[in-house]
Amino acid sequence: MNKELDQKVGAFLATHHVMSLATFGSSGPHATSLFYACDGLALVWVSEPASQHSRDIEADQRVAATVAPDYSDFEAIRGVQIAGARLTGSWWPMNECGTLRNWKRVTRSSAN
């Protein structure tokens, strides 16, 4: 990515705090809304290891995510779509910390 795009995406991600995280496990596709924090351009979240998305990620670390504000006008929709793999770390013994670091930006419009 270029520096200007990194700055735009970073500012967008810092403005919002909920992502939709998609995983795929033995029971099929699953999506969940999660609060996240930014670490540069990485998204960090904390989840219970027993949650379905945590179990799915344990089996297959490929994930996708979206971050977007609410809109009432379809033409005005802007957001960030993310794909990558979870990098693990532990903040608290009973929780799982996931971080998305490998991501790409996809838009429906060149206006962004």
Protein backbone atom coordinates (compact mmCIF):
# COMPACT_ATOMS: atom_id res chain seq x y z
CA MET A 1 0.00 0.00 0.00
CA ASN A 2 1.03 3.57 -0.42
CA LYS A 3 1.45 5.97 2.50
CA GLU A 4 -1.60 8.10 1.64
CA LEU A 5 -3.85 5.04 1.42
CA ASP A 6 -2.42 3.67 4.69
CA GLN A 7 -3.28 6.97 6.38
CA LYS A 8 -6.85 6.99 4.99
CA VAL A 9 -7.48 3.37 6.00
CA GLY A 10 -5.88 3.92 9.42
CA ALA A 11 -8.05 6.99 10.06
CA PHE A 12 -11.17 5.09 8.98
CA LEU A 13 -10.37 2.11 11.22
CA ALA A 14 -9.62 4.40 14.17
CA THR A 15 -13.01 6.11 13.74
CA HIS A 16 -14.98 2.86 14.03
CA HIS A 17 -14.82 0.09 16.60
CA VAL A 18 -16.97 -2.81 15.39
CA MET A 19 -16.02 -5.31 12.71
CA SER A 20 -17.87 -8.23 11.22
CA LEU A 21 -15.49 -11.19 11.38
CA ALA A 22 -16.15 -14.13 9.06
CA THR A 23 -14.74 -17.60 9.70
CA PHE A 24 -15.32 -21.07 8.31
CA GLY A 25 -15.43 -24.16 10.48
CA SER A 26 -16.76 -27.69 10.51
CA SER A 27 -20.34 -26.41 10.72
CA GLY A 28 -19.84 -24.04 7.76
CA PRO A 29 -19.48 -20.26 7.46
CA HIS A 30 -19.93 -18.03 10.51
CA ALA A 31 -19.91 -14.26 10.96
CA THR A 32 -19.92 -12.30 14.18
CA SER A 33 -19.67 -8.65 15.18
CA LEU A 34 -16.76 -7.82 17.47
CA PHE A 35 -15.32 -4.71 19.08
CA TYR A 36 -11.75 -4.11 17.98
CA ALA A 37 -8.84 -1.81 18.77
CA CYS A 38 -6.23 -0.65 16.28
CA ASP A 39 -2.54 -1.39 16.53
CA GLY A 40 -1.38 0.61 13.54
CA LEU A 41 -3.25 -1.01 10.68
CA ALA A 42 -3.78 -4.27 12.59
CA LEU A 43 -7.11 -4.97 14.27
CA VAL A 44 -6.97 -6.52 17.74
CA TRP A 45 -9.87 -8.15 19.57
CA VAL A 46 -10.41 -10.31 22.65
CA SER A 47 -12.70 -13.35 22.55
CA GLU A 48 -13.45 -16.36 24.69
CA PRO A 49 -11.60 -19.42 23.36
CA ALA A 50 -14.89 -21.39 23.45
CA SER A 51 -16.72 -18.98 21.10
CA GLN A 52 -17.53 -20.39 17.66
CA HIS A 53 -15.30 -17.92 15.82
CA SER A 54 -12.37 -18.72 18.14
CA ARG A 55 -12.85 -22.47 17.57
CA ASP A 56 -13.15 -21.89 13.81
CA ILE A 57 -9.93 -19.82 13.77
CA GLU A 58 -8.11 -22.46 15.79
CA ALA A 59 -8.95 -24.98 13.04
CA ASP A 60 -8.40 -22.63 10.06
CA GLN A 61 -6.72 -19.26 10.59
CA ARG A 62 -8.05 -17.71 7.37
CA VAL A 63 -10.57 -14.98 8.12
CA ALA A 64 -12.29 -12.05 6.44
CA ALA A 65 -13.68 -8.92 8.06
CA THR A 66 -15.60 -5.79 7.22
CA VAL A 67 -15.65 -2.44 8.98
CA ALA A 68 -18.34 -0.01 7.85
CA PRO A 69 -20.53 2.70 9.34
CA ASP A 70 -24.33 2.68 8.95
CA TYR A 71 -25.73 4.23 5.77
CA SER A 72 -29.20 4.93 4.43
CA ASP A 73 -27.99 5.80 0.90
CA PHE A 74 -26.59 2.85 -1.06
CA GLU A 75 -24.45 5.08 -3.29
CA ALA A 76 -22.71 6.62 -0.25
CA ILE A 77 -21.50 3.29 1.20
CA ARG A 78 -17.78 3.19 1.99
CA GLY A 79 -15.92 0.65 4.08
CA VAL A 80 -12.94 -1.61 4.43
CA GLN A 81 -12.91 -5.32 3.58
CA ILE A 82 -10.12 -7.35 5.13
CA ALA A 83 -8.73 -10.82 4.55
CA GLY A 84 -5.83 -12.43 6.35
CA ALA A 85 -4.86 -14.83 9.08
CA ARG A 86 -4.98 -14.51 12.84
CA LEU A 87 -1.77 -13.97 14.75
CA THR A 88 -2.17 -15.05 18.36
CA GLY A 89 -1.10 -13.56 21.61
CA SER A 90 -2.47 -13.67 25.10
CA TRP A 91 -3.47 -10.63 27.12
CA TRP A 92 -5.39 -12.50 29.80
CA PRO A 93 -5.12 -16.22 30.62
CA MET A 94 -8.79 -16.98 29.87
CA ASN A 95 -9.14 -14.89 26.71
CA GLU A 96 -7.83 -15.18 23.21
CA CYS A 97 -6.41 -12.11 21.50
CA GLY A 98 -6.60 -12.15 17.72
CA THR A 99 -4.87 -9.74 15.40
CA LEU A 100 -5.47 -9.25 11.70
CA ARG A 101 -2.24 -8.08 10.08
CA ASN A 102 -2.40 -9.22 6.44
CA TRP A 103 -5.24 -7.29 4.89
CA LYS A 104 -6.24 -5.63 1.68
CA ARG A 105 -8.59 -2.77 0.89
CA VAL A 106 -11.44 -3.36 -1.53
CA THR A 107 -13.88 -0.62 -2.53
CA ARG A 108 -16.85 -0.46 -4.82
CA SER A 109 -15.97 3.06 -5.92
CA SER A 110 -12.83 4.87 -6.96
CA ALA A 111 -14.17 7.96 -5.11
CA ASN A 112 -12.37 6.84 -1.92
